[in-house]
């Protein structure tokens, strides 16, 4: 079954997401970052490289790497500026969960945004869906 991308996220053109409920403001708490299933479509994630806690990341720059089969390395681009405050140990032990459950258990890092961070350039779920040009399946095993 095909569903719409979660509305409690903001998206980038390069298929990463930032969990941000409508009442939340960036900077109040760490925000989870992950990739949509479009980023891993047709592949199996075999390894994930995540930055160490305390690493500064910059919006639009790679902040993690996905190694997929057939062998390919896919960078994950940061949706906002910030500092990595947590990494998802579950995806290190079972990297395939990034493709199986990208919007929930397959999140990658949590980021505490900087004062200069903004979500103005990020897409809403409906804007992302229109940009991608199709409905995004959620929680589908690849």
C-alpha atoms as a PDB file:
ATOM      1  CA  UNK A   1       0.000   0.000   0.000  1.00  0.00           C
ATOM      2  CA  UNK A   2       1.247   3.477  -0.838  1.00  0.00           C
ATOM      3  CA  UNK A   3       0.828   6.325   1.642  1.00  0.00           C
ATOM      4  CA  UNK A   4       1.822   9.946   1.908  1.00  0.00           C
ATOM      5  CA  UNK A   5       5.036  11.061   3.624  1.00  0.00           C
ATOM      6  CA  UNK A   6       4.576  11.977   7.295  1.00  0.00           C
ATOM      7  CA  UNK A   7       3.411  15.554   7.798  1.00  0.00           C
ATOM      8  CA  UNK A   8       5.451  15.985  10.991  1.00  0.00           C
ATOM      9  CA  UNK A   9       8.629  16.250   8.912  1.00  0.00           C
ATOM     10  CA  UNK A  10      10.295  18.726   6.627  1.00  0.00           C
ATOM     11  CA  UNK A  11      12.099  17.419   3.556  1.00  0.00           C
ATOM     12  CA  UNK A  12      15.015  18.282   1.292  1.00  0.00           C
ATOM     13  CA  UNK A  13      15.209  17.905  -2.478  1.00  0.00           C
ATOM     14  CA  UNK A  14      17.819  15.203  -1.887  1.00  0.00           C
ATOM     15  CA  UNK A  15      15.512  12.920   0.117  1.00  0.00           C
ATOM     16  CA  UNK A  16      16.487  13.622   3.707  1.00  0.00           C
ATOM     17  CA  UNK A  17      13.984  14.605   6.370  1.00  0.00           C
ATOM     18  CA  UNK A  18      13.873  16.504   9.650  1.00  0.00           C
ATOM     19  CA  UNK A  19      11.255  15.563  12.246  1.00  0.00           C
ATOM     20  CA  UNK A  20       9.529  18.772  13.288  1.00  0.00           C
ATOM     21  CA  UNK A  21       6.013  18.812  14.656  1.00  0.00           C
ATOM     22  CA  UNK A  22       4.067  22.019  13.897  1.00  0.00           C
ATOM     23  CA  UNK A  23       4.252  23.288  17.491  1.00  0.00           C
ATOM     24  CA  UNK A  24       7.997  22.675  17.810  1.00  0.00           C
ATOM     25  CA  UNK A  25      10.683  25.232  17.144  1.00  0.00           C
ATOM     26  CA  UNK A  26      14.162  24.333  16.060  1.00  0.00           C
ATOM     27  CA  UNK A  27      16.626  24.814  18.877  1.00  0.00           C
ATOM     28  CA  UNK A  28      14.234  23.649  21.613  1.00  0.00           C
ATOM     29  CA  UNK A  29      15.369  20.037  21.502  1.00  0.00           C
ATOM     30  CA  UNK A  30      17.328  17.601  19.333  1.00  0.00           C
ATOM     31  CA  UNK A  31      15.529  16.790  16.092  1.00  0.00           C
ATOM     32  CA  UNK A  32      15.793  13.473  14.286  1.00  0.00           C
ATOM     33  CA  UNK A  33      17.170  13.274  10.772  1.00  0.00           C
ATOM     34  CA  UNK A  34      16.735  10.433   8.296  1.00  0.00           C
ATOM     35  CA  UNK A  35      16.178   9.623   4.641  1.00  0.00           C
ATOM     36  CA  UNK A  36      13.023   8.921   2.721  1.00  0.00           C
ATOM     37  CA  UNK A  37      12.550   5.578   1.069  1.00  0.00           C
ATOM     38  CA  UNK A  38      13.181   7.297  -2.265  1.00  0.00           C
ATOM     39  CA  UNK A  39      16.856   7.535  -1.257  1.00  0.00           C
ATOM     40  CA  UNK A  40      17.129   3.746  -0.974  1.00  0.00           C
ATOM     41  CA  UNK A  41      14.623   2.667  -3.599  1.00  0.00           C
ATOM     42  CA  UNK A  42      15.689  -0.518  -5.392  1.00  0.00           C
ATOM     43  CA  UNK A  43      18.632  -1.133  -3.065  1.00  0.00           C
ATOM     44  CA  UNK A  44      19.459  -2.865   0.183  1.00  0.00           C
ATOM     45  CA  UNK A  45      21.260  -0.807   2.827  1.00  0.00           C
ATOM     46  CA  UNK A  46      24.198  -2.945   3.983  1.00  0.00           C
ATOM     47  CA  UNK A  47      26.123  -0.412   6.066  1.00  0.00           C
ATOM     48  CA  UNK A  48      25.649   3.032   7.588  1.00  0.00           C
ATOM     49  CA  UNK A  49      28.358   5.530   8.497  1.00  0.00           C
ATOM     50  CA  UNK A  50      27.172   8.020  11.099  1.00  0.00           C
ATOM     51  CA  UNK A  51      29.096  11.000  12.484  1.00  0.00           C
ATOM     52  CA  UNK A  52      30.324  10.994  16.083  1.00  0.00           C
ATOM     53  CA  UNK A  53      28.238  12.778  18.702  1.00  0.00           C
ATOM     54  CA  UNK A  54      29.396  16.384  18.921  1.00  0.00           C
ATOM     55  CA  UNK A  55      30.097  16.713  15.193  1.00  0.00           C
ATOM     56  CA  UNK A  56      28.999  20.010  13.667  1.00  0.00           C
ATOM     57  CA  UNK A  57      26.927  19.580  10.503  1.00  0.00           C
ATOM     58  CA  UNK A  58      25.936  22.114   7.882  1.00  0.00           C
ATOM     59  CA  UNK A  59      22.694  22.235   5.912  1.00  0.00           C
ATOM     60  CA  UNK A  60      23.166  20.869   2.405  1.00  0.00           C
ATOM     61  CA  UNK A  61      26.414  19.074   3.262  1.00  0.00           C
ATOM     62  CA  UNK A  62      26.832  15.298   3.735  1.00  0.00           C
ATOM     63  CA  UNK A  63      26.284  14.224   7.348  1.00  0.00           C
ATOM     64  CA  UNK A  64      26.126  10.422   6.952  1.00  0.00           C
ATOM     65  CA  UNK A  65      26.724   7.736   4.334  1.00  0.00           C
ATOM     66  CA  UNK A  66      24.621   4.771   3.269  1.00  0.00           C
ATOM     67  CA  UNK A  67      26.359   1.825   1.633  1.00  0.00           C
ATOM     68  CA  UNK A  68      23.890  -0.085  -0.496  1.00  0.00           C
ATOM     69  CA  UNK A  69      23.801  -3.208  -2.609  1.00  0.00           C
ATOM     70  CA  UNK A  70      24.369  -3.200  -5.511  1.00  0.00           C
ATOM     71  CA  UNK A  71      27.488  -1.520  -4.198  1.00  0.00           C
ATOM     72  CA  UNK A  72      26.966   2.192  -4.033  1.00  0.00           C
ATOM     73  CA  UNK A  73      27.689   4.902  -1.492  1.00  0.00           C
ATOM     74  CA  UNK A  74      24.877   7.393  -0.979  1.00  0.00           C
ATOM     75  CA  UNK A  75      25.529  10.550   1.022  1.00  0.00           C
ATOM     76  CA  UNK A  76      22.837  11.816   3.358  1.00  0.00           C
ATOM     77  CA  UNK A  77      22.625  15.601   3.293  1.00  0.00           C
ATOM     78  CA  UNK A  78      21.939  17.568   6.469  1.00  0.00           C
ATOM     79  CA  UNK A  79      18.619  19.438   6.424  1.00  0.00           C
ATOM     80  CA  UNK A  80      19.806  22.063   8.966  1.00  0.00           C
ATOM     81  CA  UNK A  81      22.926  23.402  10.651  1.00  0.00           C
ATOM     82  CA  UNK A  82      23.610  21.928  14.054  1.00  0.00           C
ATOM     83  CA  UNK A  83      25.523  19.560  16.274  1.00  0.00           C
ATOM     84  CA  UNK A  84      24.942  15.806  16.342  1.00  0.00           C
ATOM     85  CA  UNK A  85      23.504  14.981  19.768  1.00  0.00           C
ATOM     86  CA  UNK A  86      22.644  11.290  19.208  1.00  0.00           C
ATOM     87  CA  UNK A  87      23.077   8.522  16.672  1.00  0.00           C
ATOM     88  CA  UNK A  88      20.737   5.611  16.105  1.00  0.00           C
ATOM     89  CA  UNK A  89      22.648   2.525  17.235  1.00  0.00           C
ATOM     90  CA  UNK A  90      19.847   0.325  15.870  1.00  0.00           C
ATOM     91  CA  UNK A  91      20.753   1.188  12.261  1.00  0.00           C
ATOM     92  CA  UNK A  92      24.394   0.259  12.902  1.00  0.00           C
ATOM     93  CA  UNK A  93      23.301  -3.214  14.006  1.00  0.00           C
ATOM     94  CA  UNK A  94      20.632  -3.589  11.323  1.00  0.00           C
ATOM     95  CA  UNK A  95      21.282  -1.107   8.484  1.00  0.00           C
ATOM     96  CA  UNK A  96      18.469  -2.586   6.375  1.00  0.00           C
ATOM     97  CA  UNK A  97      15.972  -0.921   8.730  1.00  0.00           C
ATOM     98  CA  UNK A  98      16.804   2.401   7.029  1.00  0.00           C
ATOM     99  CA  UNK A  99      14.999   1.129   3.921  1.00  0.00           C
ATOM    100  CA  UNK A 100      12.355  -0.936   5.750  1.00  0.00           C
ATOM    101  CA  UNK A 101      11.221   1.766   8.185  1.00  0.00           C
ATOM    102  CA  UNK A 102      12.831   5.056   7.113  1.00  0.00           C
ATOM    103  CA  UNK A 103      10.429   7.376   8.930  1.00  0.00           C
ATOM    104  CA  UNK A 104      10.426   5.673  12.336  1.00  0.00           C
ATOM    105  CA  UNK A 105      12.990   3.070  13.491  1.00  0.00           C
ATOM    106  CA  UNK A 106      15.358   3.885  10.601  1.00  0.00           C
ATOM    107  CA  UNK A 107      16.194   7.461  11.656  1.00  0.00           C
ATOM    108  CA  UNK A 108      19.912   8.204  11.523  1.00  0.00           C
ATOM    109  CA  UNK A 109      20.968  11.051  13.818  1.00  0.00           C
ATOM    110  CA  UNK A 110      19.513  13.647  16.165  1.00  0.00           C
ATOM    111  CA  UNK A 111      20.669  17.230  15.758  1.00  0.00           C
ATOM    112  CA  UNK A 112      20.561  20.188  18.096  1.00  0.00           C
ATOM    113  CA  UNK A 113      20.204  23.103  15.716  1.00  0.00           C
ATOM    114  CA  UNK A 114      22.266  26.261  15.876  1.00  0.00           C
ATOM    115  CA  UNK A 115      20.743  29.705  16.397  1.00  0.00           C
ATOM    116  CA  UNK A 116      21.283  30.420  12.687  1.00  0.00           C
ATOM    117  CA  UNK A 117      19.424  27.294  11.537  1.00  0.00           C
ATOM    118  CA  UNK A 118      16.246  27.669   9.572  1.00  0.00           C
ATOM    119  CA  UNK A 119      13.658  25.358   8.084  1.00  0.00           C
ATOM    120  CA  UNK A 120      12.577  27.978   5.535  1.00  0.00           C
ATOM    121  CA  UNK A 121      14.231  26.117   2.645  1.00  0.00           C
ATOM    122  CA  UNK A 122      12.780  22.732   3.615  1.00  0.00           C
ATOM    123  CA  UNK A 123       9.716  21.263   1.950  1.00  0.00           C
ATOM    124  CA  UNK A 124       6.465  20.249   3.603  1.00  0.00           C
ATOM    125  CA  UNK A 125       5.273  16.687   3.030  1.00  0.00           C
ATOM    126  CA  UNK A 126       2.942  17.765   0.221  1.00  0.00           C
ATOM    127  CA  UNK A 127       5.627  19.908  -1.432  1.00  0.00           C
ATOM    128  CA  UNK A 128       8.083  17.009  -1.250  1.00  0.00           C
ATOM    129  CA  UNK A 129       5.511  14.614  -2.655  1.00  0.00           C
ATOM    130  CA  UNK A 130       4.857  16.953  -5.603  1.00  0.00           C
ATOM    131  CA  UNK A 131       8.584  17.424  -6.170  1.00  0.00           C
ATOM    132  CA  UNK A 132       9.230  13.685  -6.206  1.00  0.00           C
ATOM    133  CA  UNK A 133       6.239  13.230  -8.479  1.00  0.00           C
ATOM    134  CA  UNK A 134       4.710  10.255  -6.776  1.00  0.00           C
ATOM    135  CA  UNK A 135       3.322   9.067  -3.484  1.00  0.00           C
ATOM    136  CA  UNK A 136       6.028   7.726  -1.214  1.00  0.00           C
ATOM    137  CA  UNK A 137       5.509   4.260   0.261  1.00  0.00           C
ATOM    138  CA  UNK A 138       6.082   4.205   3.999  1.00  0.00           C
ATOM    139  CA  UNK A 139       7.463   1.253   5.934  1.00  0.00           C
ATOM    140  CA  UNK A 140       7.648  -1.017   2.898  1.00  0.00           C
ATOM    141  CA  UNK A 141      10.333  -3.697   2.815  1.00  0.00           C
ATOM    142  CA  UNK A 142      12.567  -3.273  -0.183  1.00  0.00           C
END
